[in-house]
Amino acid sequence: MSGWIITSWVFVALITGVNIFLFLKLKNASEQMLKMAFPNAKNMSEALDSMQKMMGGMGGRMPNLGNLGKANTDAQLKQAMEFMKNRNRPR
């Protein structure tokens, strides 16, 4: 009986270690994504503030919801592609 208890606690410790390792890896990945999205931010709190301001500027709703025609979608796609092309251009 005592052997099963020890084995179960070893298993819990291993799973906890894996959980902590994955959490730290995901945290680093999210910080890298924020640095890429907001390169002018000096630290993570500035990047998060910039993101919140950007989302707040949308007013919490999607723009042009009443206008979901094909022409509008094509124009938005073209604008997004131009933005990405300009964003990836080296400075």
N, C-alpha and C. Protein backbone atom coordinates (compact mmCIF):
# COMPACT_ATOMS: atom_id res chain seq x y z
N MET A 1 0.82 -1.20 0.00
CA MET A 1 0.00 0.00 0.00
C MET A 1 0.86 1.26 0.00
N SER A 2 1.91 1.27 0.79
CA SER A 2 2.79 2.43 0.89
C SER A 2 3.51 2.69 -0.44
N GLY A 3 3.84 1.63 -1.15
CA GLY A 3 4.50 1.78 -2.45
C GLY A 3 3.64 2.52 -3.46
N TRP A 4 2.33 2.26 -3.46
CA TRP A 4 1.41 2.94 -4.38
C TRP A 4 1.31 4.42 -4.06
N ILE A 5 1.35 4.76 -2.79
CA ILE A 5 1.27 6.17 -2.39
C ILE A 5 2.52 6.91 -2.87
N ILE A 6 3.68 6.30 -2.66
CA ILE A 6 4.93 6.93 -3.11
C ILE A 6 4.93 7.06 -4.63
N THR A 7 4.50 6.03 -5.33
CA THR A 7 4.45 6.07 -6.79
C THR A 7 3.50 7.17 -7.28
N SER A 8 2.37 7.32 -6.64
CA SER A 8 1.41 8.34 -7.06
C SER A 8 1.98 9.75 -6.85
N TRP A 9 2.70 9.97 -5.73
CA TRP A 9 3.29 11.28 -5.49
C TRP A 9 4.43 11.57 -6.46
N VAL A 10 5.18 10.56 -6.83
CA VAL A 10 6.23 10.75 -7.85
C VAL A 10 5.58 11.14 -9.18
N PHE A 11 4.48 10.47 -9.53
CA PHE A 11 3.75 10.79 -10.75
C PHE A 11 3.22 12.23 -10.71
N VAL A 12 2.67 12.65 -9.58
CA VAL A 12 2.17 14.02 -9.44
C VAL A 12 3.31 15.02 -9.59
N ALA A 13 4.46 14.72 -9.00
CA ALA A 13 5.61 15.62 -9.10
C ALA A 13 6.09 15.73 -10.56
N LEU A 14 6.12 14.63 -11.27
CA LEU A 14 6.53 14.66 -12.68
C LEU A 14 5.56 15.49 -13.53
N ILE A 15 4.27 15.26 -13.33
CA ILE A 15 3.27 16.01 -14.09
C ILE A 15 3.34 17.50 -13.76
N THR A 16 3.57 17.83 -12.49
CA THR A 16 3.70 19.23 -12.09
C THR A 16 4.92 19.87 -12.75
N GLY A 17 6.02 19.14 -12.80
CA GLY A 17 7.23 19.65 -13.45
C GLY A 17 7.00 19.91 -14.93
N VAL A 18 6.34 19.00 -15.62
CA VAL A 18 6.03 19.19 -17.03
C VAL A 18 5.12 20.40 -17.21
N ASN A 19 4.15 20.55 -16.34
CA ASN A 19 3.23 21.68 -16.41
C ASN A 19 3.97 23.02 -16.26
N ILE A 20 4.87 23.10 -15.31
CA ILE A 20 5.65 24.32 -15.09
C ILE A 20 6.53 24.61 -16.31
N PHE A 21 7.18 23.58 -16.85
CA PHE A 21 8.03 23.73 -18.03
C PHE A 21 7.23 24.28 -19.22
N LEU A 22 6.07 23.71 -19.49
CA LEU A 22 5.24 24.15 -20.61
C LEU A 22 4.73 25.58 -20.39
N PHE A 23 4.36 25.90 -19.16
CA PHE A 23 3.91 27.25 -18.85
C PHE A 23 5.00 28.27 -19.16
N LEU A 24 6.22 28.00 -18.76
CA LEU A 24 7.32 28.93 -19.01
C LEU A 24 7.61 29.07 -20.50
N LYS A 25 7.53 27.98 -21.25
CA LYS A 25 7.73 28.03 -22.70
C LYS A 25 6.64 28.87 -23.37
N LEU A 26 5.40 28.68 -22.96
CA LEU A 26 4.30 29.45 -23.55
C LEU A 26 4.38 30.92 -23.17
N LYS A 27 4.85 31.20 -21.96
CA LYS A 27 5.02 32.59 -21.54
C LYS A 27 6.07 33.28 -22.39
N ASN A 28 7.19 32.60 -22.65
CA ASN A 28 8.23 33.17 -23.50
C ASN A 28 7.71 33.41 -24.92
N ALA A 29 6.93 32.48 -25.43
CA ALA A 29 6.38 32.62 -26.78
C ALA A 29 5.43 33.82 -26.85
N SER A 30 4.61 34.02 -25.83
CA SER A 30 3.68 35.15 -25.85
C SER A 30 4.44 36.47 -25.75
N GLU A 31 5.52 36.51 -24.98
CA GLU A 31 6.33 37.72 -24.89
C GLU A 31 6.98 38.04 -26.23
N GLN A 32 7.45 37.02 -26.94
CA GLN A 32 8.05 37.23 -28.25
C GLN A 32 7.01 37.76 -29.24
N MET A 33 5.79 37.24 -29.18
CA MET A 33 4.75 37.72 -30.08
C MET A 33 4.41 39.18 -29.79
N LEU A 34 4.36 39.56 -28.52
CA LEU A 34 4.10 40.96 -28.17
C LEU A 34 5.23 41.86 -28.64
N LYS A 35 6.47 41.40 -28.54
CA LYS A 35 7.60 42.19 -29.00
C LYS A 35 7.54 42.38 -30.52
N MET A 36 7.10 41.36 -31.24
CA MET A 36 6.98 41.48 -32.69
C MET A 36 5.82 42.39 -33.06
N ALA A 37 4.73 42.32 -32.34
CA ALA A 37 3.55 43.11 -32.67
C ALA A 37 3.75 44.59 -32.32
N PHE A 38 4.47 44.86 -31.25
CA PHE A 38 4.70 46.23 -30.80
C PHE A 38 6.20 46.45 -30.59
N PRO A 39 6.96 46.65 -31.68
CA PRO A 39 8.42 46.74 -31.54
C PRO A 39 8.89 48.01 -30.83
N ASN A 40 8.06 49.05 -30.78
CA ASN A 40 8.50 50.29 -30.13
C ASN A 40 8.29 50.27 -28.62
N ALA A 41 7.65 49.26 -28.10
CA ALA A 41 7.41 49.17 -26.66
C ALA A 41 8.71 48.84 -25.93
N LYS A 42 8.93 49.54 -24.81
CA LYS A 42 10.15 49.31 -24.04
C LYS A 42 10.06 48.07 -23.17
N ASN A 43 8.84 47.73 -22.71
CA ASN A 43 8.67 46.55 -21.88
C ASN A 43 7.29 45.95 -22.15
N MET A 44 6.99 44.88 -21.48
CA MET A 44 5.74 44.16 -21.74
C MET A 44 4.51 44.98 -21.32
N SER A 45 4.63 45.76 -20.27
CA SER A 45 3.47 46.54 -19.84
C SER A 45 3.12 47.61 -20.88
N GLU A 46 4.13 48.21 -21.51
CA GLU A 46 3.85 49.17 -22.58
C GLU A 46 3.21 48.49 -23.78
N ALA A 47 3.67 47.29 -24.10
CA ALA A 47 3.09 46.56 -25.22
C ALA A 47 1.62 46.22 -24.93
N LEU A 48 1.35 45.80 -23.71
CA LEU A 48 -0.04 45.49 -23.35
C LEU A 48 -0.90 46.74 -23.34
N ASP A 49 -0.35 47.86 -22.89
CA ASP A 49 -1.10 49.11 -22.93
C ASP A 49 -1.42 49.51 -24.35
N SER A 50 -0.45 49.36 -25.26
CA SER A 50 -0.68 49.67 -26.67
C SER A 50 -1.77 48.79 -27.25
N MET A 51 -1.74 47.51 -26.89
CA MET A 51 -2.75 46.59 -27.40
C MET A 51 -4.13 46.97 -26.86
N GLN A 52 -4.21 47.33 -25.59
CA GLN A 52 -5.50 47.72 -25.02
C GLN A 52 -6.02 49.00 -25.64
N LYS A 53 -5.13 49.96 -25.94
CA LYS A 53 -5.55 51.19 -26.60
C LYS A 53 -6.09 50.89 -28.00
N MET A 54 -5.39 50.00 -28.69
CA MET A 54 -5.82 49.64 -30.04
C MET A 54 -7.19 48.97 -30.01
N MET A 55 -7.39 48.06 -29.06
CA MET A 55 -8.68 47.39 -28.94
C MET A 55 -9.75 48.35 -28.46
N GLY A 56 -9.40 49.29 -27.59
CA GLY A 56 -10.35 50.28 -27.11
C GLY A 56 -10.78 51.22 -28.20
N GLY A 57 -9.89 51.49 -29.17
CA GLY A 57 -10.23 52.34 -30.29
C GLY A 57 -11.29 51.74 -31.18
N MET A 58 -11.41 50.42 -31.14
CA MET A 58 -12.44 49.76 -31.94
C MET A 58 -13.80 49.90 -31.28
N GLY A 59 -13.84 50.29 -30.04
CA GLY A 59 -15.11 50.46 -29.35
C GLY A 59 -15.75 49.15 -28.94
N GLY A 60 -15.01 48.07 -28.96
CA GLY A 60 -15.53 46.78 -28.54
C GLY A 60 -16.43 46.12 -29.56
N ARG A 61 -16.47 46.65 -30.77
CA ARG A 61 -17.31 46.03 -31.80
C ARG A 61 -16.55 46.03 -33.12
N MET A 62 -16.96 45.18 -33.98
CA MET A 62 -16.32 45.08 -35.29
C MET A 62 -16.86 46.18 -36.20
N PRO A 63 -15.99 46.87 -36.93
CA PRO A 63 -16.47 47.90 -37.84
C PRO A 63 -17.11 47.30 -39.09
N ASN A 64 -18.02 48.03 -39.69
CA ASN A 64 -18.65 47.66 -40.95
C ASN A 64 -19.41 46.34 -40.89
N LEU A 65 -20.07 46.05 -39.80
CA LEU A 65 -20.81 44.79 -39.73
C LEU A 65 -22.04 44.79 -40.63
N GLY A 66 -22.57 45.96 -40.92
CA GLY A 66 -23.74 46.01 -41.78
C GLY A 66 -23.40 45.90 -43.25
N ASN A 67 -22.14 45.94 -43.59
CA ASN A 67 -21.69 45.98 -44.97
C ASN A 67 -20.81 44.78 -45.28
N LEU A 68 -21.35 43.62 -45.32
CA LEU A 68 -20.54 42.42 -45.50
C LEU A 68 -20.58 41.91 -46.94
N GLY A 69 -20.67 42.81 -47.89
CA GLY A 69 -20.70 42.42 -49.29
C GLY A 69 -19.35 41.95 -49.78
N LYS A 70 -19.32 41.33 -50.96
CA LYS A 70 -18.08 40.80 -51.52
C LYS A 70 -17.08 41.91 -51.82
N ALA A 71 -17.54 43.05 -52.34
CA ALA A 71 -16.64 44.15 -52.66
C ALA A 71 -15.96 44.67 -51.40
N ASN A 72 -16.71 44.80 -50.31
CA ASN A 72 -16.15 45.29 -49.06
C ASN A 72 -15.11 44.29 -48.52
N THR A 73 -15.40 43.02 -48.61
CA THR A 73 -14.48 41.99 -48.14
C THR A 73 -13.20 42.01 -48.97
N ASP A 74 -13.33 42.17 -50.30
CA ASP A 74 -12.15 42.24 -51.16
C ASP A 74 -11.30 43.46 -50.84
N ALA A 75 -11.96 44.59 -50.58
CA ALA A 75 -11.21 45.81 -50.24
C ALA A 75 -10.48 45.64 -48.92
N GLN A 76 -11.13 45.01 -47.95
CA GLN A 76 -10.48 44.79 -46.66
C GLN A 76 -9.30 43.83 -46.81
N LEU A 77 -9.47 42.80 -47.64
CA LEU A 77 -8.38 41.85 -47.86
C LEU A 77 -7.20 42.53 -48.53
N LYS A 78 -7.48 43.37 -49.52
CA LYS A 78 -6.41 44.10 -50.20
C LYS A 78 -5.68 45.02 -49.23
N GLN A 79 -6.45 45.72 -48.39
CA GLN A 79 -5.83 46.61 -47.41
C GLN A 79 -4.98 45.83 -46.41
N ALA A 80 -5.45 44.67 -45.98
CA ALA A 80 -4.69 43.85 -45.04
C ALA A 80 -3.41 43.33 -45.68
N MET A 81 -3.48 42.94 -46.95
CA MET A 81 -2.28 42.45 -47.64
C MET A 81 -1.25 43.57 -47.80
N GLU A 82 -1.70 44.79 -48.12
CA GLU A 82 -0.78 45.92 -48.23
C GLU A 82 -0.14 46.23 -46.88
N PHE A 83 -0.94 46.15 -45.81
CA PHE A 83 -0.40 46.39 -44.47
C PHE A 83 0.67 45.37 -44.13
N MET A 84 0.41 44.09 -44.42
CA MET A 84 1.39 43.04 -44.10
C MET A 84 2.65 43.20 -44.95
N LYS A 85 2.49 43.60 -46.21
CA LYS A 85 3.66 43.78 -47.06
C LYS A 85 4.52 44.91 -46.53
N ASN A 86 3.89 46.01 -46.11
CA ASN A 86 4.64 47.14 -45.57
C ASN A 86 5.22 46.82 -44.19
N ARG A 87 4.55 45.98 -43.44
CA ARG A 87 4.99 45.62 -42.08
C ARG A 87 6.24 44.76 -42.13
N ASN A 88 6.34 43.87 -43.12
CA ASN A 88 7.47 42.95 -43.21
C ASN A 88 8.67 43.56 -43.92
N ARG A 89 8.53 44.76 -44.45
CA ARG A 89 9.62 45.40 -45.17
C ARG A 89 10.70 45.83 -44.17
N PRO A 90 11.97 45.48 -44.44
CA PRO A 90 13.05 45.89 -43.50
C PRO A 90 13.23 47.40 -43.50
N ARG A 91 13.61 47.92 -42.36
CA ARG A 91 13.74 49.38 -42.20
C ARG A 91 15.17 49.79 -42.36
